[in-house]
Amino acid sequence: MKAQLDAEDKVTKDGFRETGMYDSASSPTKEKVEKFVMADGAVEGEGSVYKGIKHVNVAIPKSLYEDAKKALEEKKESKNALLTLMGAIESEVSTEP
């Protein structure tokens, strides 16, 4: 499996990253972000923005992992969130089924 750095970000394509679009954690009020302890969120002005989840385990195919890590090392850019997610990995455990 190869990293598809040119794959379109479907969330952006469908308009979900536009101003005024909220999800279950983002809010027009800054108080809500504090209630979602597993969410990576931030206060922006009088509102809050949900950036993703934090402190979770993920499993990805080794070939995709290695390809994405190589892309990060080569400072490549991606049209989607793959390299952002890969760059946020804090620890690695290699356990193959």
Protein backbone atom coordinates (compact mmCIF):
# COMPACT_ATOMS: atom_id res chain seq x y z
CA MET A 1 0.00 0.00 0.00
CA LYS A 2 1.39 3.38 -1.02
CA ALA A 3 0.75 6.83 0.43
CA GLN A 4 -1.65 8.69 -1.86
CA LEU A 5 -0.30 12.19 -1.34
CA ASP A 6 -2.29 13.54 -4.30
CA ALA A 7 -5.59 12.11 -3.05
CA GLU A 8 -8.11 14.85 -2.49
CA ASP A 9 -9.12 15.66 1.10
CA LYS A 10 -12.75 14.52 1.03
CA VAL A 11 -13.64 16.50 4.16
CA THR A 12 -12.52 19.74 2.49
CA LYS A 13 -14.15 18.75 -0.81
CA ASP A 14 -17.51 18.28 0.89
CA GLY A 15 -17.22 21.67 2.61
CA PHE A 16 -16.88 20.46 6.19
CA ARG A 17 -13.80 22.62 6.90
CA GLU A 18 -15.53 25.85 5.91
CA THR A 19 -16.25 28.63 8.38
CA GLY A 20 -19.48 27.98 10.21
CA MET A 21 -19.34 24.19 9.94
CA TYR A 22 -19.38 22.53 13.36
CA ASP A 23 -19.07 18.93 14.51
CA SER A 24 -19.91 17.31 17.84
CA ALA A 25 -16.94 18.95 19.61
CA SER A 26 -16.45 22.25 17.78
CA SER A 27 -18.66 24.94 19.08
CA PRO A 28 -19.50 28.58 18.77
CA THR A 29 -18.80 28.71 22.52
CA LYS A 30 -15.33 28.29 24.03
CA GLU A 31 -16.57 26.36 27.07
CA LYS A 32 -17.51 23.19 25.17
CA VAL A 33 -13.92 22.35 24.14
CA GLU A 34 -12.98 21.75 27.79
CA LYS A 35 -15.66 19.06 28.17
CA PHE A 36 -14.17 16.82 25.48
CA VAL A 37 -10.99 15.57 27.17
CA MET A 38 -10.20 13.03 24.43
CA ALA A 39 -10.50 15.68 21.73
CA ASP A 40 -7.61 17.79 20.54
CA GLY A 41 -9.32 21.13 20.47
CA ALA A 42 -8.46 24.77 20.86
CA VAL A 43 -10.22 27.97 21.77
CA GLU A 44 -10.32 30.41 18.88
CA GLY A 45 -11.80 33.77 19.72
CA GLU A 46 -15.17 33.22 21.35
CA GLY A 47 -15.52 29.69 19.92
CA SER A 48 -13.64 26.42 19.81
CA VAL A 49 -12.22 24.26 17.04
CA TYR A 50 -11.96 20.48 17.03
CA LYS A 51 -8.67 19.27 15.51
CA GLY A 52 -9.02 15.53 16.10
CA ILE A 53 -8.79 12.87 18.77
CA LYS A 54 -5.78 12.38 21.00
CA HIS A 55 -4.06 9.51 22.76
CA VAL A 56 -5.41 6.67 20.61
CA ASN A 57 -3.86 3.55 19.14
CA VAL A 58 -3.97 3.03 15.40
CA ALA A 59 -2.94 0.18 13.13
CA ILE A 60 -1.87 0.79 9.56
CA PRO A 61 -0.26 -1.45 6.97
CA LYS A 62 3.53 -1.50 7.31
CA SER A 63 4.01 -0.55 3.65
CA LEU A 64 1.82 2.56 4.04
CA TYR A 65 3.61 3.50 7.27
CA GLU A 66 7.05 3.21 5.67
CA ASP A 67 5.98 5.10 2.55
CA ALA A 68 4.46 7.94 4.57
CA LYS A 69 7.49 8.15 6.89
CA LYS A 70 9.75 8.41 3.84
CA ALA A 71 7.55 11.19 2.45
CA LEU A 72 7.85 13.05 5.76
CA GLU A 73 11.63 12.67 5.77
CA GLU A 74 11.73 14.04 2.21
CA LYS A 75 9.55 16.96 3.35
CA LYS A 76 6.88 16.17 0.77
CA GLU A 77 3.42 17.72 1.00
CA SER A 78 0.06 16.01 0.88
CA LYS A 79 -3.36 17.20 -0.29
CA ASN A 80 -4.94 15.17 2.53
CA ALA A 81 -4.27 14.62 6.24
CA LEU A 82 -2.04 11.52 5.92
CA LEU A 83 1.28 13.25 6.59
CA THR A 84 -0.21 15.39 9.34
CA LEU A 85 -1.42 12.24 11.09
CA MET A 86 1.87 10.42 10.56
CA GLY A 87 3.82 13.40 11.88
CA ALA A 88 1.78 13.36 15.08
CA ILE A 89 2.70 9.79 16.04
CA GLU A 90 4.36 9.89 19.45
CA SER A 91 5.38 6.26 19.88
CA GLU A 92 5.58 3.18 17.71
CA VAL A 93 5.08 -0.51 18.43
CA SER A 94 5.61 -2.98 15.65
CA THR A 95 3.28 -5.92 16.11
CA GLU A 96 2.32 -7.80 13.01
CA PRO A 97 -0.62 -10.23 13.00
